Amino acid sequence: IKIDDSFGSNSAKITVVLEANPGVTITLDVDAGGNTSTIREVTEGHLTTVTTIADVNENDTLSIRIRADTTEGIWLNPQGISGRGDRIIDMNGAWIHWIEIQETPT
């Protein structure tokens, strides 16, 4: 992710809102020019918010990697069957709702 010149802080708050089955370990890795941060969160089966702070300093890019550690598998999605979702046959993993990057006060 390119950090715009108008970004007025040396650190950024990265927030990821996602959803996964209960017990899935989500790993959020953030790298800003060698300044790294890793957060792990175990989901409870509903919307989960994972947040970290990254030192961006003079870097002009930010790398965000999200990994869901789950067993492979496919299953019938009841939301898709009932018309409330877009998939009838689904796969294990995480559904990312949004990623937000904010300036933190200096």
PDB file of N, CA and C in Angstrom:
ATOM      1  N   ILE A   1       0.855  -1.158   0.000  1.00  0.00           N
ATOM      2  CA  ILE A   1       0.000   0.000   0.000  1.00  0.00           C
ATOM      3  C   ILE A   1       0.904   1.225   0.000  1.00  0.00           C
ATOM      4  N   LYS A   2       0.661   2.128  -0.914  1.00  0.00           N
ATOM      5  CA  LYS A   2       1.457   3.348  -0.986  1.00  0.00           C
ATOM      6  C   LYS A   2       0.965   4.339   0.067  1.00  0.00           C
ATOM      7  N   ILE A   3       1.909   4.903   0.799  1.00  0.00           N
ATOM      8  CA  ILE A   3       1.587   5.924   1.792  1.00  0.00           C
ATOM      9  C   ILE A   3       1.709   7.281   1.111  1.00  0.00           C
ATOM     10  N   ASP A   4       0.628   8.013   1.090  1.00  0.00           N
ATOM     11  CA  ASP A   4       0.593   9.309   0.420  1.00  0.00           C
ATOM     12  C   ASP A   4       1.470  10.324   1.149  1.00  0.00           C
ATOM     13  N   ASP A   5       2.000  11.280   0.402  1.00  0.00           N
ATOM     14  CA  ASP A   5       2.839  12.329   0.988  1.00  0.00           C
ATOM     15  C   ASP A   5       2.086  13.161   2.022  1.00  0.00           C
ATOM     16  N   SER A   6       0.763  13.201   1.919  1.00  0.00           N
ATOM     17  CA  SER A   6      -0.027  13.999   2.860  1.00  0.00           C
ATOM     18  C   SER A   6      -0.220  13.302   4.208  1.00  0.00           C
ATOM     19  N   PHE A   7       0.241  12.048   4.321  1.00  0.00           N
ATOM     20  CA  PHE A   7       0.135  11.316   5.586  1.00  0.00           C
ATOM     21  C   PHE A   7       0.979  12.053   6.610  1.00  0.00           C
ATOM     22  N   GLY A   8       0.349  12.574   7.662  1.00  0.00           N
ATOM     23  CA  GLY A   8       1.030  13.489   8.571  1.00  0.00           C
ATOM     24  C   GLY A   8       1.498  12.887   9.875  1.00  0.00           C
ATOM     25  N   SER A   9       1.836  11.610   9.891  1.00  0.00           N
ATOM     26  CA  SER A   9       2.244  10.976  11.134  1.00  0.00           C
ATOM     27  C   SER A   9       3.388  10.007  10.866  1.00  0.00           C
ATOM     28  N   ASN A  10       4.171   9.718  11.908  1.00  0.00           N
ATOM     29  CA  ASN A  10       5.241   8.729  11.789  1.00  0.00           C
ATOM     30  C   ASN A  10       4.767   7.321  12.094  1.00  0.00           C
ATOM     31  N   SER A  11       3.519   7.186  12.537  1.00  0.00           N
ATOM     32  CA  SER A  11       2.986   5.852  12.802  1.00  0.00           C
ATOM     33  C   SER A  11       1.560   5.755  12.281  1.00  0.00           C
ATOM     34  N   ALA A  12       1.175   4.527  11.978  1.00  0.00           N
ATOM     35  CA  ALA A  12      -0.149   4.272  11.419  1.00  0.00           C
ATOM     36  C   ALA A  12      -0.843   3.188  12.233  1.00  0.00           C
ATOM     37  N   LYS A  13      -2.134   3.361  12.420  1.00  0.00           N
ATOM     38  CA  LYS A  13      -2.962   2.348  13.070  1.00  0.00           C
ATOM     39  C   LYS A  13      -3.630   1.548  11.960  1.00  0.00           C
ATOM     40  N   ILE A  14      -3.361   0.238  11.931  1.00  0.00           N
ATOM     41  CA  ILE A  14      -3.939  -0.641  10.921  1.00  0.00           C
ATOM     42  C   ILE A  14      -5.006  -1.486  11.595  1.00  0.00           C
ATOM     43  N   THR A  15      -6.224  -1.422  11.073  1.00  0.00           N
ATOM     44  CA  THR A  15      -7.346  -2.182  11.615  1.00  0.00           C
ATOM     45  C   THR A  15      -7.923  -3.048  10.512  1.00  0.00           C
ATOM     46  N   VAL A  16      -8.099  -4.328  10.812  1.00  0.00           N
ATOM     47  CA  VAL A  16      -8.714  -5.266   9.877  1.00  0.00           C
ATOM     48  C   VAL A  16      -9.953  -5.833  10.559  1.00  0.00           C
ATOM     49  N   VAL A  17     -11.090  -5.758   9.877  1.00  0.00           N
ATOM     50  CA  VAL A  17     -12.324  -6.354  10.377  1.00  0.00           C
ATOM     51  C   VAL A  17     -12.623  -7.550   9.487  1.00  0.00           C
ATOM     52  N   LEU A  18     -12.745  -8.723  10.109  1.00  0.00           N
ATOM     53  CA  LEU A  18     -12.950  -9.945   9.342  1.00  0.00           C
ATOM     54  C   LEU A  18     -13.852 -10.895  10.096  1.00  0.00           C
ATOM     55  N   GLU A  19     -14.179 -11.979   9.426  1.00  0.00           N
ATOM     56  CA  GLU A  19     -15.061 -12.991   9.993  1.00  0.00           C
ATOM     57  C   GLU A  19     -14.501 -14.354   9.632  1.00  0.00           C
ATOM     58  N   ALA A  20     -14.533 -15.280  10.579  1.00  0.00           N
ATOM     59  CA  ALA A  20     -14.062 -16.641  10.330  1.00  0.00           C
ATOM     60  C   ALA A  20     -14.777 -17.582  11.290  1.00  0.00           C
ATOM     61  N   ASN A  21     -14.705 -18.862  11.001  1.00  0.00           N
ATOM     62  CA  ASN A  21     -15.294 -19.862  11.887  1.00  0.00           C
ATOM     63  C   ASN A  21     -14.601 -19.821  13.246  1.00  0.00           C
ATOM     64  N   PRO A  22     -15.252 -20.307  14.303  1.00  0.00           N
ATOM     65  CA  PRO A  22     -14.624 -20.320  15.630  1.00  0.00           C
ATOM     66  C   PRO A  22     -13.328 -21.122  15.637  1.00  0.00           C
ATOM     67  N   GLY A  23     -12.334 -20.609  16.362  1.00  0.00           N
ATOM     68  CA  GLY A  23     -11.077 -21.320  16.544  1.00  0.00           C
ATOM     69  C   GLY A  23     -10.032 -21.100  15.472  1.00  0.00           C
ATOM     70  N   VAL A  24     -10.317 -20.275  14.469  1.00  0.00           N
ATOM     71  CA  VAL A  24      -9.341 -19.997  13.413  1.00  0.00           C
ATOM     72  C   VAL A  24      -8.352 -18.956  13.927  1.00  0.00           C
ATOM     73  N   THR A  25      -7.057 -19.221  13.759  1.00  0.00           N
ATOM     74  CA  THR A  25      -6.033 -18.256  14.146  1.00  0.00           C
ATOM     75  C   THR A  25      -5.746 -17.341  12.969  1.00  0.00           C
ATOM     76  N   ILE A  26      -5.940 -16.046  13.186  1.00  0.00           N
ATOM     77  CA  ILE A  26      -5.668 -15.030  12.173  1.00  0.00           C
ATOM     78  C   ILE A  26      -4.330 -14.388  12.515  1.00  0.00           C
ATOM     79  N   THR A  27      -3.436 -14.309  11.540  1.00  0.00           N
ATOM     80  CA  THR A  27      -2.149 -13.644  11.720  1.00  0.00           C
ATOM     81  C   THR A  27      -2.114 -12.422  10.822  1.00  0.00           C
ATOM     82  N   LEU A  28      -1.822 -11.271  11.417  1.00  0.00           N
ATOM     83  CA  LEU A  28      -1.701 -10.010  10.691  1.00  0.00           C
ATOM     84  C   LEU A  28      -0.242  -9.580  10.765  1.00  0.00           C
ATOM     85  N   ASP A  29       0.444  -9.587   9.610  1.00  0.00           N
ATOM     86  CA  ASP A  29       1.838  -9.150   9.518  1.00  0.00           C
ATOM     87  C   ASP A  29       1.871  -7.810   8.800  1.00  0.00           C
ATOM     88  N   VAL A  30       2.525  -6.826   9.409  1.00  0.00           N
ATOM     89  CA  VAL A  30       2.659  -5.502   8.810  1.00  0.00           C
ATOM     90  C   VAL A  30       4.141  -5.188   8.702  1.00  0.00           C
ATOM     91  N   ASP A  31       4.566  -4.703   7.529  1.00  0.00           N
ATOM     92  CA  ASP A  31       5.963  -4.342   7.306  1.00  0.00           C
ATOM     93  C   ASP A  31       6.013  -2.961   6.666  1.00  0.00           C
ATOM     94  N   ALA A  32       6.742  -2.063   7.301  1.00  0.00           N
ATOM     95  CA  ALA A  32       6.951  -0.718   6.758  1.00  0.00           C
ATOM     96  C   ALA A  32       8.447  -0.471   6.717  1.00  0.00           C
ATOM     97  N   GLY A  33       9.074  -0.827   5.611  1.00  0.00           N
ATOM     98  CA  GLY A  33      10.506  -0.596   5.448  1.00  0.00           C
ATOM     99  C   GLY A  33      11.368  -1.310   6.468  1.00  0.00           C
ATOM    100  N   GLY A  34      11.004  -2.520   6.850  1.00  0.00           N
ATOM    101  CA  GLY A  34      11.771  -3.282   7.828  1.00  0.00           C
ATOM    102  C   GLY A  34      11.235  -3.188   9.243  1.00  0.00           C
ATOM    103  N   ASN A  35      10.383  -2.210   9.519  1.00  0.00           N
ATOM    104  CA  ASN A  35       9.709  -2.133  10.817  1.00  0.00           C
ATOM    105  C   ASN A  35       8.512  -3.076  10.747  1.00  0.00           C
ATOM    106  N   THR A  36       8.582  -4.188  11.475  1.00  0.00           N
ATOM    107  CA  THR A  36       7.541  -5.198  11.357  1.00  0.00           C
ATOM    108  C   THR A  36       6.726  -5.318  12.638  1.00  0.00           C
ATOM    109  N   SER A  37       5.504  -5.777  12.458  1.00  0.00           N
ATOM    110  CA  SER A  37       4.599  -6.029  13.570  1.00  0.00           C
ATOM    111  C   SER A  37       3.778  -7.261  13.220  1.00  0.00           C
ATOM    112  N   THR A  38       3.620  -8.171  14.178  1.00  0.00           N
ATOM    113  CA  THR A  38       2.816  -9.371  13.962  1.00  0.00           C
ATOM    114  C   THR A  38       1.824  -9.508  15.106  1.00  0.00           C
ATOM    115  N   ILE A  39       0.560  -9.685  14.753  1.00  0.00           N
ATOM    116  CA  ILE A  39      -0.513  -9.873  15.728  1.00  0.00           C
ATOM    117  C   ILE A  39      -1.218 -11.178  15.386  1.00  0.00           C
ATOM    118  N   ARG A  40      -1.515 -11.984  16.411  1.00  0.00           N
ATOM    119  CA  ARG A  40      -2.296 -13.213  16.216  1.00  0.00           C
ATOM    120  C   ARG A  40      -3.556 -13.122  17.064  1.00  0.00           C
ATOM    121  N   GLU A  41      -4.658 -13.530  16.470  1.00  0.00           N
ATOM    122  CA  GLU A  41      -5.959 -13.467  17.142  1.00  0.00           C
ATOM    123  C   GLU A  41      -6.721 -14.743  16.810  1.00  0.00           C
ATOM    124  N   VAL A  42      -7.328 -15.377  17.814  1.00  0.00           N
ATOM    125  CA  VAL A  42      -8.159 -16.560  17.590  1.00  0.00           C
ATOM    126  C   VAL A  42      -9.610 -16.094  17.513  1.00  0.00           C
ATOM    127  N   THR A  43     -10.284 -16.462  16.430  1.00  0.00           N
ATOM    128  CA  THR A  43     -11.650 -15.991  16.206  1.00  0.00           C
ATOM    129  C   THR A  43     -12.654 -16.788  17.029  1.00  0.00           C
ATOM    130  N   GLU A  44     -13.806 -16.155  17.252  1.00  0.00           N
ATOM    131  CA  GLU A  44     -14.882 -16.793  18.015  1.00  0.00           C
ATOM    132  C   GLU A  44     -16.108 -17.068  17.150  1.00  0.00           C
ATOM    133  N   GLY A  45     -15.979 -16.877  15.836  1.00  0.00           N
ATOM    134  CA  GLY A  45     -17.083 -17.202  14.939  1.00  0.00           C
ATOM    135  C   GLY A  45     -17.979 -16.031  14.597  1.00  0.00           C
ATOM    136  N   HIS A  46     -17.532 -14.828  14.879  1.00  0.00           N
ATOM    137  CA  HIS A  46     -18.297 -13.633  14.520  1.00  0.00           C
ATOM    138  C   HIS A  46     -17.308 -12.571  14.049  1.00  0.00           C
ATOM    139  N   LEU A  47     -17.781 -11.356  13.793  1.00  0.00           N
ATOM    140  CA  LEU A  47     -16.874 -10.294  13.356  1.00  0.00           C
ATOM    141  C   LEU A  47     -15.753 -10.111  14.369  1.00  0.00           C
ATOM    142  N   THR A  48     -14.533 -10.046  13.863  1.00  0.00           N
ATOM    143  CA  THR A  48     -13.353  -9.889  14.704  1.00  0.00           C
ATOM    144  C   THR A  48     -12.566  -8.689  14.200  1.00  0.00           C
ATOM    145  N   THR A  49     -12.111  -7.855  15.122  1.00  0.00           N
ATOM    146  CA  THR A  49     -11.292  -6.699  14.780  1.00  0.00           C
ATOM    147  C   THR A  49      -9.870  -6.952  15.262  1.00  0.00           C
ATOM    148  N   VAL A  50      -8.917  -6.840  14.343  1.00  0.00           N
ATOM    149  CA  VAL A  50      -7.498  -7.010  14.667  1.00  0.00           C
ATOM    150  C   VAL A  50      -6.819  -5.677  14.375  1.00  0.00           C
ATOM    151  N   THR A  51      -6.106  -5.140  15.372  1.00  0.00           N
ATOM    152  CA  THR A  51      -5.497  -3.812  15.240  1.00  0.00           C
ATOM    153  C   THR A  51      -4.040  -3.854  15.666  1.00  0.00           C
ATOM    154  N   THR A  52      -3.204  -3.098  14.963  1.00  0.00           N
ATOM    155  CA  THR A  52      -1.802  -2.941  15.338  1.00  0.00           C
ATOM    156  C   THR A  52      -1.344  -1.541  14.943  1.00  0.00           C
ATOM    157  N   ILE A  53      -0.210  -1.138  15.493  1.00  0.00           N
ATOM    158  CA  ILE A  53       0.414   0.146  15.163  1.00  0.00           C
ATOM    159  C   ILE A  53       1.718  -0.148  14.430  1.00  0.00           C
ATOM    160  N   ALA A  54       1.978   0.590  13.352  1.00  0.00           N
ATOM    161  CA  ALA A  54       3.217   0.419  12.590  1.00  0.00           C
ATOM    162  C   ALA A  54       3.943   1.748  12.498  1.00  0.00           C
ATOM    163  N   ASP A  55       5.266   1.715  12.678  1.00  0.00           N
ATOM    164  CA  ASP A  55       6.096   2.903  12.478  1.00  0.00           C
ATOM    165  C   ASP A  55       6.355   3.048  10.988  1.00  0.00           C
ATOM    166  N   VAL A  56       5.830   4.112  10.391  1.00  0.00           N
ATOM    167  CA  VAL A  56       6.020   4.306   8.958  1.00  0.00           C
ATOM    168  C   VAL A  56       7.166   5.263   8.665  1.00  0.00           C
ATOM    169  N   ASN A  57       7.462   6.173   9.582  1.00  0.00           N
ATOM    170  CA  ASN A  57       8.560   7.133   9.448  1.00  0.00           C
ATOM    171  C   ASN A  57       8.656   7.679   8.033  1.00  0.00           C
ATOM    172  N   GLU A  58       9.781   7.478   7.367  1.00  0.00           N
ATOM    173  CA  GLU A  58       9.995   8.019   6.018  1.00  0.00           C
ATOM    174  C   GLU A  58       9.655   7.008   4.922  1.00  0.00           C
ATOM    175  N   ASN A  59       9.088   5.874   5.272  1.00  0.00           N
ATOM    176  CA  ASN A  59       8.765   4.851   4.275  1.00  0.00           C
ATOM    177  C   ASN A  59       7.584   5.297   3.433  1.00  0.00           C
ATOM    178  N   ASP A  60       7.600   4.903   2.172  1.00  0.00           N
ATOM    179  CA  ASP A  60       6.487   5.294   1.313  1.00  0.00           C
ATOM    180  C   ASP A  60       5.581   4.126   0.956  1.00  0.00           C
ATOM    181  N   THR A  61       5.864   2.938   1.515  1.00  0.00           N
ATOM    182  CA  THR A  61       4.975   1.795   1.298  1.00  0.00           C
ATOM    183  C   THR A  61       4.758   1.042   2.604  1.00  0.00           C
ATOM    184  N   LEU A  62       3.641   0.359   2.650  1.00  0.00           N
ATOM    185  CA  LEU A  62       3.247  -0.435   3.803  1.00  0.00           C
ATOM    186  C   LEU A  62       2.752  -1.768   3.265  1.00  0.00           C
ATOM    187  N   SER A  63       3.278  -2.865   3.784  1.00  0.00           N
ATOM    188  CA  SER A  63       2.869  -4.192   3.344  1.00  0.00           C
ATOM    189  C   SER A  63       2.042  -4.848   4.447  1.00  0.00           C
ATOM    190  N   ILE A  64       0.861  -5.345   4.082  1.00  0.00           N
ATOM    191  CA  ILE A  64      -0.025  -6.006   5.040  1.00  0.00           C
ATOM    192  C   ILE A  64      -0.315  -7.409   4.529  1.00  0.00           C
ATOM    193  N   ARG A  65      -0.076  -8.402   5.386  1.00  0.00           N
ATOM    194  CA  ARG A  65      -0.345  -9.797   5.022  1.00  0.00           C
ATOM    195  C   ARG A  65      -1.282 -10.383   6.070  1.00  0.00           C
ATOM    196  N   ILE A  66      -2.363 -11.008   5.609  1.00  0.00           N
ATOM    197  CA  ILE A  66      -3.344 -11.617   6.504  1.00  0.00           C
ATOM    198  C   ILE A  66      -3.392 -13.105   6.191  1.00  0.00           C
ATOM    199  N   ARG A  67      -3.230 -13.927   7.233  1.00  0.00           N
ATOM    200  CA  ARG A  67      -3.257 -15.379   7.037  1.00  0.00           C
ATOM    201  C   ARG A  67      -4.263 -15.993   8.008  1.00  0.00           C
ATOM    202  N   ALA A  68      -5.063 -16.927   7.505  1.00  0.00           N
ATOM    203  CA  ALA A  68      -6.004 -17.674   8.338  1.00  0.00           C
ATOM    204  C   ALA A  68      -5.511 -19.110   8.418  1.00  0.00           C
ATOM    205  N   ASP A  69      -5.142 -19.556   9.611  1.00  0.00           N
ATOM    206  CA  ASP A  69      -4.680 -20.931   9.804  1.00  0.00           C
ATOM    207  C   ASP A  69      -5.890 -21.804  10.107  1.00  0.00           C
ATOM    208  N   THR A  70      -6.313 -22.539   9.103  1.00  0.00           N
ATOM    209  CA  THR A  70      -7.494 -23.380   9.225  1.00  0.00           C
ATOM    210  C   THR A  70      -7.299 -24.641   8.397  1.00  0.00           C
ATOM    211  N   THR A  71      -8.033 -25.670   8.736  1.00  0.00           N
ATOM    212  CA  THR A  71      -7.955 -26.889   7.941  1.00  0.00           C
ATOM    213  C   THR A  71      -8.660 -26.655   6.611  1.00  0.00           C
ATOM    214  N   GLU A  72      -8.156 -27.309   5.578  1.00  0.00           N
ATOM    215  CA  GLU A  72      -8.800 -27.182   4.277  1.00  0.00           C
ATOM    216  C   GLU A  72     -10.113 -27.943   4.293  1.00  0.00           C
ATOM    217  N   GLY A  73     -11.049 -27.438   3.564  1.00  0.00           N
ATOM    218  CA  GLY A  73     -12.324 -28.139   3.475  1.00  0.00           C
ATOM    219  C   GLY A  73     -13.361 -27.301   2.759  1.00  0.00           C
ATOM    220  N   ILE A  74     -14.339 -27.986   2.207  1.00  0.00           N
ATOM    221  CA  ILE A  74     -15.470 -27.298   1.594  1.00  0.00           C
ATOM    222  C   ILE A  74     -16.730 -27.743   2.318  1.00  0.00           C
ATOM    223  N   TRP A  75     -17.753 -26.900   2.276  1.00  0.00           N
ATOM    224  CA  TRP A  75     -18.979 -27.190   3.002  1.00  0.00           C
ATOM    225  C   TRP A  75     -20.142 -26.458   2.356  1.00  0.00           C
ATOM    226  N   LEU A  76     -21.336 -26.908   2.668  1.00  0.00           N
ATOM    227  CA  LEU A  76     -22.540 -26.243   2.182  1.00  0.00           C
ATOM    228  C   LEU A  76     -22.817 -25.040   3.067  1.00  0.00           C
ATOM    229  N   ASN A  77     -22.915 -23.887   2.448  1.00  0.00           N
ATOM    230  CA  ASN A  77     -23.127 -22.649   3.180  1.00  0.00           C
ATOM    231  C   ASN A  77     -24.633 -22.391   3.295  1.00  0.00           C
ATOM    232  N   PRO A  78     -25.187 -22.438   4.512  1.00  0.00           N
ATOM    233  CA  PRO A  78     -26.632 -22.233   4.658  1.00  0.00           C
ATOM    234  C   PRO A  78     -27.096 -20.851   4.205  1.00  0.00           C
ATOM    235  N   GLN A  79     -26.223 -19.843   4.286  1.00  0.00           N
ATOM    236  CA  GLN A  79     -26.612 -18.519   3.796  1.00  0.00           C
ATOM    237  C   GLN A  79     -26.793 -18.539   2.283  1.00  0.00           C
ATOM    238  N   GLY A  80     -25.927 -19.254   1.581  1.00  0.00           N
ATOM    239  CA  GLY A  80     -26.061 -19.362   0.128  1.00  0.00           C
ATOM    240  C   GLY A  80     -27.289 -20.158  -0.274  1.00  0.00           C
ATOM    241  N   ILE A  81     -27.564 -21.229   0.462  1.00  0.00           N
ATOM    242  CA  ILE A  81     -28.730 -22.063   0.159  1.00  0.00           C
ATOM    243  C   ILE A  81     -30.022 -21.264   0.344  1.00  0.00           C
ATOM    244  N   SER A  82     -30.061 -20.399   1.367  1.00  0.00           N
ATOM    245  CA  SER A  82     -31.281 -19.630   1.645  1.00  0.00           C
ATOM    246  C   SER A  82     -31.374 -18.342   0.826  1.00  0.00           C
ATOM    247  N   GLY A  83     -30.337 -18.030   0.038  1.00  0.00           N
ATOM    248  CA  GLY A  83     -30.366 -16.822  -0.772  1.00  0.00           C
ATOM    249  C   GLY A  83     -29.793 -15.597  -0.080  1.00  0.00           C
ATOM    250  N   ARG A  84     -29.287 -15.751   1.150  1.00  0.00           N
ATOM    251  CA  ARG A  84     -28.719 -14.608   1.876  1.00  0.00           C
ATOM    252  C   ARG A  84     -27.235 -14.420   1.603  1.00  0.00           C
ATOM    253  N   GLY A  85     -26.608 -15.366   0.925  1.00  0.00           N
ATOM    254  CA  GLY A  85     -25.187 -15.280   0.608  1.00  0.00           C
ATOM    255  C   GLY A  85     -24.956 -15.544  -0.863  1.00  0.00           C
ATOM    256  N   ASP A  86     -23.716 -15.365  -1.297  1.00  0.00           N
ATOM    257  CA  ASP A  86     -23.422 -15.528  -2.718  1.00  0.00           C
ATOM    258  C   ASP A  86     -22.792 -16.873  -3.052  1.00  0.00           C
ATOM    259  N   ARG A  87     -22.569 -17.740  -2.054  1.00  0.00           N
ATOM    260  CA  ARG A  87     -21.946 -19.040  -2.323  1.00  0.00           C
ATOM    261  C   ARG A  87     -22.743 -20.162  -1.678  1.00  0.00           C
ATOM    262  N   ILE A  88     -23.026 -21.170  -2.473  1.00  0.00           N
ATOM    263  CA  ILE A  88     -23.692 -22.353  -1.929  1.00  0.00           C
ATOM    264  C   ILE A  88     -22.636 -23.331  -1.427  1.00  0.00           C
ATOM    265  N   ILE A  89     -21.593 -23.553  -2.222  1.00  0.00           N
ATOM    266  CA  ILE A  89     -20.466 -24.387  -1.791  1.00  0.00           C
ATOM    267  C   ILE A  89     -19.344 -23.432  -1.415  1.00  0.00           C
ATOM    268  N   ASP A  90     -18.896 -23.503  -0.172  1.00  0.00           N
ATOM    269  CA  ASP A  90     -17.933 -22.541   0.358  1.00  0.00           C
ATOM    270  C   ASP A  90     -16.679 -23.262   0.823  1.00  0.00           C
ATOM    271  N   MET A  91     -15.622 -22.493   1.088  1.00  0.00           N
ATOM    272  CA  MET A  91     -14.358 -23.042   1.574  1.00  0.00           C
ATOM    273  C   MET A  91     -14.033 -22.428   2.932  1.00  0.00           C
ATOM    274  N   ASN A  92     -13.274 -23.168   3.744  1.00  0.00           N
ATOM    275  CA  ASN A  92     -12.813 -22.632   5.021  1.00  0.00           C
ATOM    276  C   ASN A  92     -11.870 -21.466   4.776  1.00  0.00           C
ATOM    277  N   GLY A  93     -11.856 -20.521   5.699  1.00  0.00           N
ATOM    278  CA  GLY A  93     -10.966 -19.372   5.583  1.00  0.00           C
ATOM    279  C   GLY A  93     -11.524 -18.196   6.353  1.00  0.00           C
ATOM    280  N   ALA A  94     -11.153 -17.007   5.927  1.00  0.00           N
ATOM    281  CA  ALA A  94     -11.616 -15.784   6.576  1.00  0.00           C
ATOM    282  C   ALA A  94     -12.211 -14.860   5.522  1.00  0.00           C
ATOM    283  N   TRP A  95     -13.209 -14.106   5.921  1.00  0.00           N
ATOM    284  CA  TRP A  95     -13.853 -13.128   5.051  1.00  0.00           C
ATOM    285  C   TRP A  95     -13.443 -11.754   5.545  1.00  0.00           C
ATOM    286  N   ILE A  96     -12.691 -11.039   4.734  1.00  0.00           N
ATOM    287  CA  ILE A  96     -12.221  -9.707   5.116  1.00  0.00           C
ATOM    288  C   ILE A  96     -13.296  -8.698   4.735  1.00  0.00           C
ATOM    289  N   HIS A  97     -13.798  -7.984   5.734  1.00  0.00           N
ATOM    290  CA  HIS A  97     -14.825  -6.977   5.485  1.00  0.00           C
ATOM    291  C   HIS A  97     -14.189  -5.642   5.106  1.00  0.00           C
ATOM    292  N   TRP A  98     -13.144  -5.218   5.829  1.00  0.00           N
ATOM    293  CA  TRP A  98     -12.414  -4.023   5.421  1.00  0.00           C
ATOM    294  C   TRP A  98     -11.086  -3.918   6.142  1.00  0.00           C
ATOM    295  N   ILE A  99     -10.212  -3.104   5.530  1.00  0.00           N
ATOM    296  CA  ILE A  99      -8.911  -2.763   6.105  1.00  0.00           C
ATOM    297  C   ILE A  99      -8.869  -1.241   6.180  1.00  0.00           C
ATOM    298  N   GLU A 100      -8.480  -0.733   7.338  1.00  0.00           N
ATOM    299  CA  GLU A 100      -8.443   0.714   7.539  1.00  0.00           C
ATOM    300  C   GLU A 100      -7.061   1.119   8.039  1.00  0.00           C
ATOM    301  N   ILE A 101      -6.522   2.184   7.461  1.00  0.00           N
ATOM    302  CA  ILE A 101      -5.226   2.715   7.889  1.00  0.00           C
ATOM    303  C   ILE A 101      -5.446   4.161   8.298  1.00  0.00           C
ATOM    304  N   GLN A 102      -5.096   4.467   9.551  1.00  0.00           N
ATOM    305  CA  GLN A 102      -5.302   5.814  10.087  1.00  0.00           C
ATOM    306  C   GLN A 102      -3.991   6.377  10.606  1.00  0.00           C
ATOM    307  N   GLU A 103      -3.869   7.694  10.521  1.00  0.00           N
ATOM    308  CA  GLU A 103      -2.748   8.364  11.166  1.00  0.00           C
ATOM    309  C   GLU A 103      -2.946   8.274  12.670  1.00  0.00           C
ATOM    310  N   THR A 104      -1.854   8.082  13.397  1.00  0.00           N
ATOM    311  CA  THR A 104      -1.942   8.135  14.854  1.00  0.00           C
ATOM    312  C   THR A 104      -1.375   9.472  15.303  1.00  0.00           C
ATOM    313  N   PRO A 105      -1.930  10.043  16.361  1.00  0.00           N
ATOM    314  CA  PRO A 105      -1.432  11.352  16.822  1.00  0.00           C
ATOM    315  C   PRO A 105       0.043  11.281  17.193  1.00  0.00           C
ATOM    316  N   THR A 106       0.777  12.319  16.828  1.00  0.00           N
ATOM    317  CA  THR A 106       2.210  12.363  17.161  1.00  0.00           C
ATOM    318  C   THR A 106       2.462  13.263  18.341  1.00  0.00           C
TER     319      THR A 106
END
